[in-house]
Amino acid sequence: MTPTTYKQLELDLWGDLKTALTQPEFADMKLLWHSLEDAIAHSDSNQQLLVAGDAITQIVEVYVKRAKGILDSLEVNDDRSEGPVLDEDFLSGLMRQSMSLDLSDLMEEFVFETESSPALVGSVVSVLDRKEAKAIARKARAAMRKDLLELAEQENIPLW
């Protein structure tokens, strides 16, 4: 909306703002700010505040429309499951398309050993009769009881 109380110099500003509002993606924001500065440069304080207030409001609308357009272009469509549409080159520097790794130098071929190992001479296994086995078991139990009693005394645990 162009107020009729503004001077002729301000027409360039309002024309630029109107164009920017209709095509925010192509708007030159620096040009808009410079047009605003030129429009209020030779005005009195009250006139500067009026013009700047209206112009800044419209410049903010241009920013909002531009941001909305960018977000809408990145928004995911409901019928697409791949996500937002991006240019092919957008992530090309961050992604690797393929990779091969040759591990053959690190692998050693497995060879089955078919040789039989020689029998050990002097085996520790021997045949015992029943009486000898019982005697060995009694000695082992007695030694275990003795070790447990010593441990209980060291830890100061009452036994019964």
N, C-alpha and C. Protein backbone atom coordinates (compact mmCIF):
# COMPACT_ATOMS: atom_id res chain seq x y z
N MET A 1 0.85 -1.17 0.00
CA MET A 1 0.00 0.00 0.00
C MET A 1 0.89 1.23 0.00
N THR A 2 0.65 2.14 -0.91
CA THR A 2 1.46 3.33 -1.07
C THR A 2 0.69 4.53 -0.54
N PRO A 3 1.19 5.09 0.58
CA PRO A 3 0.51 6.29 1.10
C PRO A 3 0.67 7.45 0.13
N THR A 4 -0.31 8.30 0.00
CA THR A 4 -0.27 9.41 -0.94
C THR A 4 0.46 10.61 -0.38
N THR A 5 0.85 10.58 0.89
CA THR A 5 1.51 11.74 1.49
C THR A 5 3.01 11.75 1.28
N TYR A 6 3.58 10.69 0.69
CA TYR A 6 5.02 10.64 0.52
C TYR A 6 5.45 11.41 -0.71
N LYS A 7 6.71 11.82 -0.71
CA LYS A 7 7.25 12.63 -1.79
C LYS A 7 7.50 11.79 -3.04
N GLN A 8 7.77 12.45 -4.15
CA GLN A 8 8.03 11.80 -5.43
C GLN A 8 9.27 10.92 -5.37
N LEU A 9 10.30 11.30 -4.59
CA LEU A 9 11.53 10.53 -4.50
C LEU A 9 11.28 9.12 -3.99
N GLU A 10 10.22 8.96 -3.25
CA GLU A 10 9.94 7.68 -2.64
C GLU A 10 9.28 6.71 -3.61
N LEU A 11 8.93 7.13 -4.82
CA LEU A 11 8.27 6.25 -5.77
C LEU A 11 9.16 5.08 -6.16
N ASP A 12 10.46 5.31 -6.30
CA ASP A 12 11.37 4.22 -6.64
C ASP A 12 11.35 3.16 -5.54
N LEU A 13 11.34 3.58 -4.29
CA LEU A 13 11.30 2.67 -3.16
C LEU A 13 10.04 1.83 -3.20
N TRP A 14 8.87 2.46 -3.36
CA TRP A 14 7.61 1.71 -3.34
C TRP A 14 7.49 0.80 -4.56
N GLY A 15 8.02 1.22 -5.69
CA GLY A 15 8.01 0.37 -6.89
C GLY A 15 8.89 -0.86 -6.69
N ASP A 16 10.07 -0.61 -6.12
CA ASP A 16 10.97 -1.73 -5.84
C ASP A 16 10.35 -2.70 -4.83
N LEU A 17 9.69 -2.17 -3.80
CA LEU A 17 9.05 -3.02 -2.80
C LEU A 17 7.91 -3.82 -3.39
N LYS A 18 7.12 -3.19 -4.29
CA LYS A 18 6.01 -3.89 -4.92
C LYS A 18 6.53 -5.05 -5.77
N THR A 19 7.59 -4.78 -6.52
CA THR A 19 8.19 -5.85 -7.34
C THR A 19 8.76 -6.95 -6.46
N ALA A 20 9.43 -6.56 -5.37
CA ALA A 20 10.02 -7.55 -4.45
C ALA A 20 8.95 -8.40 -3.79
N LEU A 21 7.80 -7.83 -3.47
CA LEU A 21 6.74 -8.59 -2.84
C LEU A 21 6.10 -9.59 -3.81
N THR A 22 6.08 -9.25 -5.10
CA THR A 22 5.50 -10.18 -6.07
C THR A 22 6.49 -11.28 -6.47
N GLN A 23 7.79 -10.97 -6.43
CA GLN A 23 8.82 -11.96 -6.77
C GLN A 23 9.92 -11.93 -5.71
N PRO A 24 9.64 -12.43 -4.49
CA PRO A 24 10.62 -12.32 -3.40
C PRO A 24 11.91 -13.11 -3.63
N GLU A 25 11.84 -14.18 -4.42
CA GLU A 25 13.05 -14.98 -4.63
C GLU A 25 14.08 -14.24 -5.49
N PHE A 26 13.65 -13.24 -6.26
CA PHE A 26 14.57 -12.48 -7.11
C PHE A 26 14.87 -11.10 -6.55
N ALA A 27 14.36 -10.77 -5.39
CA ALA A 27 14.52 -9.43 -4.81
C ALA A 27 15.96 -9.18 -4.40
N ASP A 28 16.43 -7.97 -4.69
CA ASP A 28 17.76 -7.55 -4.28
C ASP A 28 17.61 -6.77 -2.98
N MET A 29 17.91 -7.42 -1.87
CA MET A 29 17.66 -6.82 -0.56
C MET A 29 18.55 -5.59 -0.32
N LYS A 30 19.79 -5.62 -0.81
CA LYS A 30 20.66 -4.44 -0.65
C LYS A 30 20.07 -3.24 -1.37
N LEU A 31 19.53 -3.48 -2.56
CA LEU A 31 18.91 -2.40 -3.32
C LEU A 31 17.73 -1.81 -2.56
N LEU A 32 16.93 -2.68 -1.93
CA LEU A 32 15.78 -2.20 -1.15
C LEU A 32 16.23 -1.31 0.01
N TRP A 33 17.24 -1.74 0.71
CA TRP A 33 17.72 -0.94 1.85
C TRP A 33 18.32 0.39 1.38
N HIS A 34 19.06 0.36 0.26
CA HIS A 34 19.63 1.61 -0.27
C HIS A 34 18.53 2.53 -0.77
N SER A 35 17.48 1.97 -1.37
CA SER A 35 16.35 2.79 -1.81
C SER A 35 15.67 3.45 -0.62
N LEU A 36 15.55 2.71 0.47
CA LEU A 36 14.95 3.27 1.69
C LEU A 36 15.80 4.42 2.22
N GLU A 37 17.11 4.21 2.26
CA GLU A 37 18.00 5.27 2.75
C GLU A 37 17.90 6.51 1.87
N ASP A 38 17.87 6.32 0.54
CA ASP A 38 17.76 7.46 -0.37
C ASP A 38 16.42 8.17 -0.21
N ALA A 39 15.36 7.40 0.03
CA ALA A 39 14.02 8.00 0.14
C ALA A 39 13.87 8.86 1.38
N ILE A 40 14.54 8.49 2.47
CA ILE A 40 14.36 9.25 3.71
C ILE A 40 15.50 10.23 3.98
N ALA A 41 16.48 10.29 3.10
CA ALA A 41 17.66 11.11 3.34
C ALA A 41 17.34 12.60 3.46
N HIS A 42 16.40 13.12 2.68
CA HIS A 42 16.14 14.56 2.67
C HIS A 42 14.80 14.92 3.31
N SER A 43 14.30 14.06 4.17
CA SER A 43 13.01 14.31 4.82
C SER A 43 13.24 14.72 6.27
N ASP A 44 12.20 15.30 6.86
CA ASP A 44 12.30 15.64 8.28
C ASP A 44 12.10 14.38 9.12
N SER A 45 12.32 14.46 10.40
CA SER A 45 12.31 13.29 11.29
C SER A 45 10.98 12.55 11.27
N ASN A 46 9.86 13.30 11.35
CA ASN A 46 8.55 12.64 11.35
C ASN A 46 8.30 11.89 10.04
N GLN A 47 8.64 12.54 8.94
CA GLN A 47 8.45 11.92 7.63
C GLN A 47 9.35 10.68 7.49
N GLN A 48 10.60 10.77 8.00
CA GLN A 48 11.52 9.63 7.96
C GLN A 48 10.94 8.44 8.73
N LEU A 49 10.38 8.70 9.91
CA LEU A 49 9.82 7.62 10.72
C LEU A 49 8.62 6.97 10.02
N LEU A 50 7.76 7.77 9.41
CA LEU A 50 6.59 7.23 8.70
C LEU A 50 7.01 6.35 7.53
N VAL A 51 7.90 6.88 6.70
CA VAL A 51 8.34 6.15 5.51
C VAL A 51 9.11 4.90 5.91
N ALA A 52 10.05 5.05 6.85
CA ALA A 52 10.88 3.91 7.26
C ALA A 52 10.03 2.82 7.89
N GLY A 53 9.05 3.18 8.71
CA GLY A 53 8.19 2.19 9.35
C GLY A 53 7.44 1.35 8.33
N ASP A 54 6.81 2.03 7.35
CA ASP A 54 6.07 1.30 6.31
C ASP A 54 7.01 0.48 5.44
N ALA A 55 8.13 1.04 5.07
CA ALA A 55 9.07 0.35 4.18
C ALA A 55 9.68 -0.88 4.87
N ILE A 56 10.06 -0.74 6.12
CA ILE A 56 10.66 -1.87 6.85
C ILE A 56 9.63 -2.98 7.02
N THR A 57 8.39 -2.63 7.25
CA THR A 57 7.34 -3.64 7.34
C THR A 57 7.25 -4.44 6.04
N GLN A 58 7.31 -3.75 4.92
CA GLN A 58 7.22 -4.44 3.63
C GLN A 58 8.50 -5.23 3.32
N ILE A 59 9.65 -4.72 3.73
CA ILE A 59 10.91 -5.46 3.53
C ILE A 59 10.89 -6.76 4.34
N VAL A 60 10.35 -6.68 5.55
CA VAL A 60 10.23 -7.89 6.37
C VAL A 60 9.29 -8.89 5.69
N GLU A 61 8.22 -8.40 5.08
CA GLU A 61 7.31 -9.29 4.34
C GLU A 61 8.04 -9.97 3.19
N VAL A 62 8.95 -9.27 2.54
CA VAL A 62 9.73 -9.87 1.45
C VAL A 62 10.59 -11.00 2.01
N TYR A 63 11.25 -10.74 3.14
CA TYR A 63 12.05 -11.80 3.78
C TYR A 63 11.19 -13.01 4.14
N VAL A 64 10.02 -12.76 4.70
CA VAL A 64 9.13 -13.85 5.11
C VAL A 64 8.69 -14.66 3.89
N LYS A 65 8.29 -13.97 2.82
CA LYS A 65 7.86 -14.68 1.61
C LYS A 65 9.02 -15.47 1.00
N ARG A 66 10.21 -14.91 1.02
CA ARG A 66 11.38 -15.61 0.47
C ARG A 66 11.67 -16.87 1.30
N ALA A 67 11.66 -16.74 2.61
CA ALA A 67 11.92 -17.89 3.49
C ALA A 67 10.84 -18.95 3.31
N LYS A 68 9.59 -18.52 3.22
CA LYS A 68 8.50 -19.48 3.03
C LYS A 68 8.66 -20.22 1.71
N GLY A 69 9.06 -19.52 0.67
CA GLY A 69 9.28 -20.16 -0.62
C GLY A 69 10.39 -21.19 -0.56
N ILE A 70 11.48 -20.87 0.13
CA ILE A 70 12.59 -21.82 0.26
C ILE A 70 12.16 -23.04 1.05
N LEU A 71 11.45 -22.83 2.15
CA LEU A 71 10.99 -23.96 2.96
C LEU A 71 9.98 -24.82 2.22
N ASP A 72 9.10 -24.17 1.46
CA ASP A 72 8.11 -24.93 0.69
C ASP A 72 8.78 -25.79 -0.38
N SER A 73 9.87 -25.29 -0.96
CA SER A 73 10.56 -26.08 -1.99
C SER A 73 11.28 -27.27 -1.38
N LEU A 74 11.64 -27.21 -0.11
CA LEU A 74 12.33 -28.32 0.56
C LEU A 74 11.37 -29.26 1.27
N GLU A 75 10.11 -28.86 1.39
CA GLU A 75 9.14 -29.65 2.14
C GLU A 75 8.88 -30.97 1.44
N VAL A 76 8.67 -32.01 2.23
CA VAL A 76 8.43 -33.35 1.70
C VAL A 76 6.98 -33.46 1.25
N ASN A 77 6.78 -33.97 0.03
CA ASN A 77 5.42 -34.22 -0.45
C ASN A 77 4.88 -35.46 0.25
N ASP A 78 3.57 -35.49 0.48
CA ASP A 78 2.94 -36.62 1.16
C ASP A 78 3.07 -37.91 0.37
N ASP A 79 3.02 -37.84 -0.96
CA ASP A 79 3.06 -39.05 -1.78
C ASP A 79 4.48 -39.50 -2.10
N ARG A 80 5.48 -38.81 -1.62
CA ARG A 80 6.88 -39.19 -1.86
C ARG A 80 7.50 -39.63 -0.55
N SER A 81 8.19 -40.73 -0.56
CA SER A 81 8.81 -41.22 0.67
C SER A 81 10.31 -40.98 0.68
N GLU A 82 10.87 -40.46 -0.42
CA GLU A 82 12.32 -40.26 -0.48
C GLU A 82 12.78 -39.02 0.29
N GLY A 83 11.91 -38.10 0.57
CA GLY A 83 12.31 -36.89 1.28
C GLY A 83 12.34 -35.71 0.33
N PRO A 84 12.95 -34.62 0.74
CA PRO A 84 12.97 -33.42 -0.09
C PRO A 84 13.81 -33.63 -1.35
N VAL A 85 13.44 -32.92 -2.39
CA VAL A 85 14.16 -33.03 -3.65
C VAL A 85 15.35 -32.08 -3.59
N LEU A 86 16.54 -32.63 -3.78
CA LEU A 86 17.76 -31.83 -3.76
C LEU A 86 18.48 -32.00 -5.09
N ASP A 87 19.24 -31.03 -5.47
CA ASP A 87 20.06 -31.15 -6.67
C ASP A 87 21.06 -32.27 -6.51
N GLU A 88 21.52 -32.81 -7.64
CA GLU A 88 22.49 -33.91 -7.60
C GLU A 88 23.80 -33.47 -6.95
N ASP A 89 24.18 -32.22 -7.17
CA ASP A 89 25.47 -31.75 -6.67
C ASP A 89 25.42 -31.26 -5.23
N PHE A 90 24.23 -31.24 -4.63
CA PHE A 90 24.08 -30.66 -3.30
C PHE A 90 24.96 -31.35 -2.25
N LEU A 91 24.97 -32.69 -2.25
CA LEU A 91 25.75 -33.43 -1.27
C LEU A 91 26.95 -34.16 -1.88
N SER A 92 27.29 -33.85 -3.12
CA SER A 92 28.33 -34.63 -3.81
C SER A 92 29.67 -34.58 -3.09
N GLY A 93 30.01 -33.50 -2.46
CA GLY A 93 31.27 -33.42 -1.75
C GLY A 93 31.29 -34.19 -0.45
N LEU A 94 30.11 -34.55 0.06
CA LEU A 94 30.01 -35.22 1.35
C LEU A 94 29.77 -36.72 1.24
N MET A 95 29.41 -37.18 0.04
CA MET A 95 29.03 -38.58 -0.10
C MET A 95 30.00 -39.33 -1.01
N ARG A 96 30.20 -40.59 -0.70
CA ARG A 96 31.01 -41.46 -1.53
C ARG A 96 30.06 -42.39 -2.26
N GLN A 97 30.21 -42.47 -3.57
CA GLN A 97 29.30 -43.29 -4.36
C GLN A 97 29.60 -44.77 -4.22
N SER A 98 30.87 -45.15 -4.23
CA SER A 98 31.22 -46.56 -4.09
C SER A 98 32.60 -46.66 -3.47
N MET A 99 32.90 -47.85 -2.98
CA MET A 99 34.19 -48.05 -2.33
C MET A 99 34.54 -49.53 -2.43
N SER A 100 35.79 -49.82 -2.71
CA SER A 100 36.23 -51.21 -2.72
C SER A 100 37.45 -51.33 -1.84
N LEU A 101 37.55 -52.45 -1.19
CA LEU A 101 38.63 -52.68 -0.25
C LEU A 101 39.17 -54.09 -0.49
N ASP A 102 40.45 -54.18 -0.82
CA ASP A 102 41.06 -55.47 -1.10
C ASP A 102 41.74 -55.97 0.16
N LEU A 103 41.19 -57.04 0.74
CA LEU A 103 41.74 -57.61 1.97
C LEU A 103 42.55 -58.87 1.70
N SER A 104 42.81 -59.18 0.45
CA SER A 104 43.47 -60.44 0.13
C SER A 104 44.89 -60.51 0.72
N ASP A 105 45.56 -59.38 0.84
CA ASP A 105 46.91 -59.40 1.43
C ASP A 105 46.87 -59.69 2.93
N LEU A 106 45.74 -59.43 3.57
CA LEU A 106 45.63 -59.63 5.01
C LEU A 106 45.15 -61.04 5.38
N MET A 107 44.68 -61.77 4.39
CA MET A 107 44.14 -63.10 4.64
C MET A 107 45.20 -64.16 4.39
N GLU A 108 45.17 -65.18 5.19
CA GLU A 108 46.08 -66.29 5.03
C GLU A 108 45.26 -67.52 4.69
N GLU A 109 45.71 -68.27 3.72
CA GLU A 109 44.95 -69.43 3.31
C GLU A 109 45.00 -70.48 4.40
N PHE A 110 43.83 -71.05 4.69
CA PHE A 110 43.73 -72.04 5.75
C PHE A 110 44.12 -73.40 5.21
N VAL A 111 45.05 -74.06 5.91
CA VAL A 111 45.51 -75.38 5.49
C VAL A 111 45.18 -76.36 6.59
N PHE A 112 44.51 -77.44 6.24
CA PHE A 112 44.20 -78.49 7.19
C PHE A 112 45.44 -79.33 7.43
N GLU A 113 45.71 -79.61 8.69
CA GLU A 113 46.84 -80.47 9.02
C GLU A 113 46.37 -81.91 9.01
N THR A 114 46.97 -82.71 8.18
CA THR A 114 46.56 -84.11 8.08
C THR A 114 47.52 -85.04 8.80
N GLU A 115 48.63 -84.49 9.26
CA GLU A 115 49.60 -85.33 9.97
C GLU A 115 49.07 -85.63 11.37
N SER A 116 49.29 -86.83 11.81
CA SER A 116 48.87 -87.17 13.17
C SER A 116 50.02 -86.87 14.12
N SER A 117 49.69 -86.39 15.29
CA SER A 117 50.75 -86.06 16.26
C SER A 117 51.23 -87.34 16.92
N PRO A 118 52.51 -87.42 17.22
CA PRO A 118 53.03 -88.63 17.85
C PRO A 118 52.48 -88.80 19.27
N ALA A 119 52.32 -90.04 19.72
CA ALA A 119 51.81 -90.34 21.05
C ALA A 119 52.81 -89.88 22.10
N LEU A 120 52.29 -89.34 23.19
CA LEU A 120 53.17 -88.88 24.26
C LEU A 120 53.72 -90.06 25.03
N VAL A 121 54.98 -89.98 25.34
CA VAL A 121 55.63 -91.03 26.11
C VAL A 121 55.65 -90.59 27.56
N GLY A 122 55.40 -91.49 28.48
CA GLY A 122 55.40 -91.15 29.91
C GLY A 122 54.11 -90.47 30.31
N SER A 123 52.97 -91.01 30.01
CA SER A 123 51.68 -90.44 30.31
C SER A 123 51.47 -90.36 31.82
N VAL A 124 50.70 -89.38 32.28
CA VAL A 124 50.42 -89.20 33.70
C VAL A 124 49.20 -90.01 34.14
N VAL A 125 48.53 -90.63 33.22
CA VAL A 125 47.36 -91.43 33.53
C VAL A 125 47.80 -92.85 33.84
N SER A 126 47.23 -93.38 34.93
CA SER A 126 47.55 -94.77 35.26
C SER A 126 46.32 -95.44 35.85
N VAL A 127 46.30 -96.71 35.91
CA VAL A 127 45.19 -97.48 36.43
C VAL A 127 45.35 -97.61 37.94
N LEU A 128 44.28 -97.32 38.70
CA LEU A 128 44.29 -97.43 40.16
C LEU A 128 43.20 -98.41 40.57
N ASP A 129 43.48 -99.07 41.68
CA ASP A 129 42.40 -99.89 42.20
C ASP A 129 41.48 -99.03 43.07
N ARG A 130 40.38 -99.56 43.47
CA ARG A 130 39.34 -98.83 44.18
C ARG A 130 39.84 -98.30 45.52
N LYS A 131 40.60 -99.05 46.27
CA LYS A 131 41.09 -98.64 47.59
C LYS A 131 42.03 -97.44 47.47
N GLU A 132 42.91 -97.48 46.51
CA GLU A 132 43.85 -96.37 46.32
C GLU A 132 43.08 -95.08 45.94
N ALA A 133 42.07 -95.17 45.09
CA ALA A 133 41.29 -94.00 44.67
C ALA A 133 40.57 -93.39 45.85
N LYS A 134 40.00 -94.25 46.73
CA LYS A 134 39.30 -93.74 47.92
C LYS A 134 40.27 -93.04 48.85
N ALA A 135 41.46 -93.56 49.00
CA ALA A 135 42.46 -92.94 49.87
C ALA A 135 42.88 -91.57 49.34
N ILE A 136 43.06 -91.48 48.04
CA ILE A 136 43.44 -90.19 47.44
C ILE A 136 42.31 -89.18 47.63
N ALA A 137 41.05 -89.59 47.47
CA ALA A 137 39.90 -88.70 47.64
C ALA A 137 39.79 -88.23 49.08
N ARG A 138 40.04 -89.16 50.06
CA ARG A 138 40.00 -88.76 51.47
C ARG A 138 41.07 -87.72 51.78
N LYS A 139 42.26 -87.92 51.28
CA LYS A 139 43.35 -86.95 51.50
C LYS A 139 42.98 -85.59 50.91
N ALA A 140 42.39 -85.58 49.71
CA ALA A 140 42.01 -84.32 49.07
C ALA A 140 40.94 -83.60 49.87
N ARG A 141 39.92 -84.35 50.39
CA ARG A 141 38.87 -83.73 51.22
C ARG A 141 39.45 -83.18 52.51
N ALA A 142 40.36 -83.90 53.13
CA ALA A 142 40.96 -83.45 54.39
C ALA A 142 41.77 -82.18 54.14
N ALA A 143 42.50 -82.13 53.05
CA ALA A 143 43.31 -80.95 52.72
C ALA A 143 42.38 -79.75 52.45
N MET A 144 41.25 -80.00 51.78
CA MET A 144 40.32 -78.92 51.48
C MET A 144 39.69 -78.40 52.76
N ARG A 145 39.31 -79.29 53.70
CA ARG A 145 38.75 -78.88 54.97
C ARG A 145 39.75 -78.04 55.75
N LYS A 146 40.99 -78.48 55.77
CA LYS A 146 42.03 -77.76 56.49
C LYS A 146 42.21 -76.36 55.92
N ASP A 147 42.22 -76.23 54.57
CA ASP A 147 42.36 -74.92 53.93
C ASP A 147 41.19 -74.01 54.25
N LEU A 148 39.98 -74.57 54.28
CA LEU A 148 38.79 -73.77 54.59
C LEU A 148 38.81 -73.28 56.04
N LEU A 149 39.25 -74.13 56.97
CA LEU A 149 39.33 -73.72 58.37
C LEU A 149 40.35 -72.60 58.55
N GLU A 150 41.48 -72.71 57.87
CA GLU A 150 42.51 -71.65 57.96
C GLU A 150 41.97 -70.33 57.40
N LEU A 151 41.26 -70.42 56.31
CA LEU A 151 40.69 -69.21 55.71
C LEU A 151 39.65 -68.59 56.64
N ALA A 152 38.82 -69.41 57.26
CA ALA A 152 37.80 -68.89 58.18
C ALA A 152 38.45 -68.22 59.38
N GLU A 153 39.53 -68.76 59.88
CA GLU A 153 40.23 -68.14 61.01
C GLU A 153 40.84 -66.81 60.61
N GLN A 154 41.39 -66.72 59.40
CA GLN A 154 41.98 -65.47 58.94
C GLN A 154 40.91 -64.39 58.75
N GLU A 155 39.75 -64.77 58.29
CA GLU A 155 38.67 -63.82 58.06
C GLU A 155 37.85 -63.57 59.32
N ASN A 156 38.12 -64.32 60.42
CA ASN A 156 37.42 -64.16 61.69
C ASN A 156 35.93 -64.46 61.52
N ILE A 157 35.63 -65.61 60.93
CA ILE A 157 34.25 -66.03 60.73
C ILE A 157 33.96 -67.15 61.74
N PRO A 158 32.91 -66.98 62.59
CA PRO A 158 32.56 -68.08 63.53
C PRO A 158 31.97 -69.25 62.76
N LEU A 159 32.40 -70.45 63.07
CA LEU A 159 31.97 -71.62 62.30
C LEU A 159 30.69 -72.26 62.85
N TRP A 160 30.38 -72.35 63.98
CA TRP A 160 29.13 -72.89 64.50
C TRP A 160 28.88 -72.42 65.85
